[in-house]
């Protein structure tokens, strides 16, 4: 069994450190044999792990090295994928640096002779995320339009791109909820999470499926629908148990116990909260969205390179 496959097993169990260790050992071997193809792929994967751990500067180093190697191969598809994650990491530490890389990405997308739909959709995603990061209202509106283009596209060209688009669109819907406290936006958010769950089911991502059921429960609590929240957690617990996802199974059980044992307290707490912003904070929705995103990217990348 390869180190990459062993790393995938650790990742599926939720042990990021052990999975990263396998990747780093694989990286060392690839450097020693002077590999030209799998080395940049592995560097991108390592960068994603450091991104998931919040070590953005280290992630940037690996993405930069990966991009340089892919550029020598002159393959725009590979270059565009690494640029995607490179920009994502830069958005966390230096927005101007992210904008510079986005301009580079734009030139690649415009000059691509094959007019690749995949390169185009990756560029649109990164443009939307950079626009969203500026926090300017007109840019946020533009970002939302781009994200809907990706999410509403029936042809899923890159699951990681679709996952990121759904997550960032959910962020914007949550922002709208905070500003408007509109029930129709909450319904739209619930529908988006359902679509995220359907996508995870299609792509066989059981971990993401479990997490979306847990997220769905958190959002249903916002509307006071505790019965639906418990049912969703039942599904999450069942899938996690079937797949040996012990940490997620315990998480689903804990969430369910808190609802079942303290239902009256929850009802009073949420009934006393007069605005959706306080409810969102109580349910920890935004933080959980981020967790789904990083887990989804890591699992998709590991799966696609097995």
Foldseek 3Di string as FASTA:
>chain_A
DALLVVLLVCLLLVNLVSSLVSLVVVLVVCVVVVPLPVNLLSLQLNLLSCVLVVVLVSSLVSLVVSLVSVVVVVDLVSNLVSLLVNLVSCLVPPLVVSVVSLVVLVVSCVPPPVNDPNSVLSSLLSQLVSLVSVVDPVSPVVSLVSLCVQCVDPDPPALLSNLSSLLVNLVVLVVVQQVPVDVVSLVVSLVSLVSQLVSCVVVVPLVLNLLSLQLSLLSVLLVVCNVSSLVSLVVSLVSCVVVVNVVSNVVSVVVNCCCVVCVVVSCVVSVPDDGSVVSCVVSVNSVSSSVSSSSVVSSSSSVVVD
